[in-house]
C-alpha atoms as a PDB file:
ATOM      1  CA  MET A   1    -156.665-160.915  64.964  1.00  0.00           C
ATOM      2  CA  ASN A   2    -157.353-157.377  63.887  1.00  0.00           C
ATOM      3  CA  ASN A   3    -156.239-155.856  60.611  1.00  0.00           C
ATOM      4  CA  GLU A   4    -153.333-153.885  62.108  1.00  0.00           C
ATOM      5  CA  SER A   5    -151.753-156.902  63.799  1.00  0.00           C
ATOM      6  CA  LYS A   6    -152.119-158.877  60.539  1.00  0.00           C
ATOM      7  CA  ILE A   7    -150.209-156.158  58.682  1.00  0.00           C
ATOM      8  CA  ILE A   8    -147.505-156.171  61.350  1.00  0.00           C
ATOM      9  CA  SER A   9    -147.129-159.946  61.231  1.00  0.00           C
ATOM     10  CA  ASP A  10    -146.970-159.857  57.407  1.00  0.00           C
ATOM     11  CA  LEU A  11    -144.336-157.152  57.551  1.00  0.00           C
ATOM     12  CA  LYS A  12    -142.264-159.136  60.040  1.00  0.00           C
ATOM     13  CA  GLU A  13    -142.473-162.138  57.731  1.00  0.00           C
ATOM     14  CA  VAL A  14    -141.247-160.080  54.766  1.00  0.00           C
ATOM     15  CA  PHE A  15    -138.345-158.717  56.830  1.00  0.00           C
ATOM     16  CA  GLN A  16    -137.393-162.216  57.944  1.00  0.00           C
ATOM     17  CA  LYS A  17    -137.397-163.555  54.375  1.00  0.00           C
ATOM     18  CA  GLU A  18    -135.288-160.649  53.116  1.00  0.00           C
ATOM     19  CA  LYS A  19    -132.846-161.078  55.995  1.00  0.00           C
ATOM     20  CA  GLN A  20    -132.448-164.749  55.118  1.00  0.00           C
ATOM     21  CA  LYS A  21    -131.730-163.822  51.472  1.00  0.00           C
ATOM     22  CA  LEU A  22    -129.188-161.234  52.554  1.00  0.00           C
ATOM     23  CA  ASP A  23    -127.465-163.605  54.979  1.00  0.00           C
ATOM     24  CA  LYS A  24    -126.797-166.024  52.116  1.00  0.00           C
ATOM     25  CA  LYS A  25    -124.856-163.444  50.079  1.00  0.00           C
ATOM     26  CA  GLN A  26    -121.086-163.674  50.376  1.00  0.00           C
ATOM     27  CA  SER A  27    -120.642-159.890  50.327  1.00  0.00           C
ATOM     28  CA  ASN A  28    -122.905-159.572  53.364  1.00  0.00           C
ATOM     29  CA  GLN A  29    -120.993-162.302  55.181  1.00  0.00           C
ATOM     30  CA  ARG A  30    -117.692-160.497  54.557  1.00  0.00           C
ATOM     31  CA  LEU A  31    -119.132-157.178  55.696  1.00  0.00           C
ATOM     32  CA  THR A  32    -120.548-158.750  58.861  1.00  0.00           C
ATOM     33  CA  SER A  33    -117.203-160.410  59.575  1.00  0.00           C
ATOM     34  CA  ALA A  34    -115.337-157.126  59.105  1.00  0.00           C
ATOM     35  CA  ASN A  35    -117.800-155.325  61.394  1.00  0.00           C
ATOM     36  CA  GLU A  36    -117.367-157.945  64.116  1.00  0.00           C
ATOM     37  CA  PHE A  37    -113.579-157.684  63.798  1.00  0.00           C
ATOM     38  CA  TYR A  38    -113.775-153.873  64.079  1.00  0.00           C
ATOM     39  CA  ASN A  39    -115.995-154.066  67.175  1.00  0.00           C
ATOM     40  CA  ASN A  40    -113.623-156.618  68.725  1.00  0.00           C
ATOM     41  CA  LEU A  41    -110.668-154.256  68.233  1.00  0.00           C
ATOM     42  CA  ILE A  42    -112.627-151.460  69.913  1.00  0.00           C
ATOM     43  CA  GLU A  43    -113.520-153.684  72.886  1.00  0.00           C
ATOM     44  CA  ARG A  44    -109.885-154.700  73.293  1.00  0.00           C
ATOM     45  CA  GLY A  45    -108.805-151.031  73.286  1.00  0.00           C
ATOM     46  CA  ILE A  46    -106.567-151.374  70.243  1.00  0.00           C
ATOM     47  CA  ILE A  47    -108.445-148.726  68.260  1.00  0.00           C
ATOM     48  CA  LYS A  48    -110.909-145.969  69.029  1.00  0.00           C
ATOM     49  CA  LYS A  49    -114.362-145.773  67.524  1.00  0.00           C
ATOM     50  CA  ARG A  50    -114.542-143.388  64.621  1.00  0.00           C
ATOM     51  CA  GLY A  51    -117.289-140.871  64.420  1.00  0.00           C
ATOM     52  CA  TYR A  52    -118.018-137.227  64.930  1.00  0.00           C
ATOM     53  CA  THR A  53    -114.613-135.662  65.520  1.00  0.00           C
ATOM     54  CA  LEU A  54    -115.153-132.026  64.597  1.00  0.00           C
ATOM     55  CA  ARG A  55    -113.757-129.460  66.997  1.00  0.00           C
ATOM     56  CA  GLY A  56    -116.394-127.962  69.267  1.00  0.00           C
ATOM     57  CA  ILE A  57    -117.039-124.252  69.628  1.00  0.00           C
ATOM     58  CA  GLU A  58    -115.358-124.219  73.030  1.00  0.00           C
ATOM     59  CA  ASP A  59    -112.122-125.575  71.501  1.00  0.00           C
ATOM     60  CA  SER A  60    -112.095-123.608  68.251  1.00  0.00           C
ATOM     61  CA  HIS A  61    -110.857-120.411  69.930  1.00  0.00           C
ATOM     62  CA  LEU A  62    -107.755-122.297  71.110  1.00  0.00           C
ATOM     63  CA  PHE A  63    -106.906-123.114  67.512  1.00  0.00           C
ATOM     64  CA  ASN A  64    -107.019-119.447  66.503  1.00  0.00           C
ATOM     65  CA  CYS A  65    -105.345-117.772  69.509  1.00  0.00           C
ATOM     66  CA  ARG A  66    -101.631-117.126  69.597  1.00  0.00           C
ATOM     67  CA  LEU A  67     -99.618-118.320  72.545  1.00  0.00           C
ATOM     68  CA  ASN A  68     -97.303-115.252  72.617  1.00  0.00           C
ATOM     69  CA  GLY A  69    -100.143-112.776  72.882  1.00  0.00           C
ATOM     70  CA  TYR A  70     -99.319-111.225  69.496  1.00  0.00           C
END
């Protein structure tokens, strides 16, 4: 095993141990549960996924133009 693969395997081991510690925390369990509930609501079509909702440049002129032509 070369030095690079040893570092990678050690790093994976550290990540795994930290993930196990985090999974034991109640706050993480509640956050994970809430995230799963949110994703379930999205899949069922009850809510839409939140995210980047700023108006694009092609739509911004519609916001500023007047319908009467004044």
